[in-house]
């Protein structure tokens, strides 16, 4: 599985973030408190949805109305999914 694009509508401090991913390696660099760990938690939440209410509350969008987003990815056979 290879991620092609990450879109965060609203998740913690992140909102309306569209992150296209290209090539075989993508490095995300940002200063402290810019949302890198929140982005990691978003990816985990999309792949393995939260079942605990406390985690849903923890990542409730700070400034955006919509909670969620999606991942666009491709498989080794070339099929793409969103």
Foldseek 3Di string as FASTA:
>chain_A
DFWQWWAFCFWAADHRDIGGDDDDDDDDDDDPPPCPVSVVVLVVCQVPPDPDPVNCVNTGGPPGDDGHTDIWGADPVGDIDD
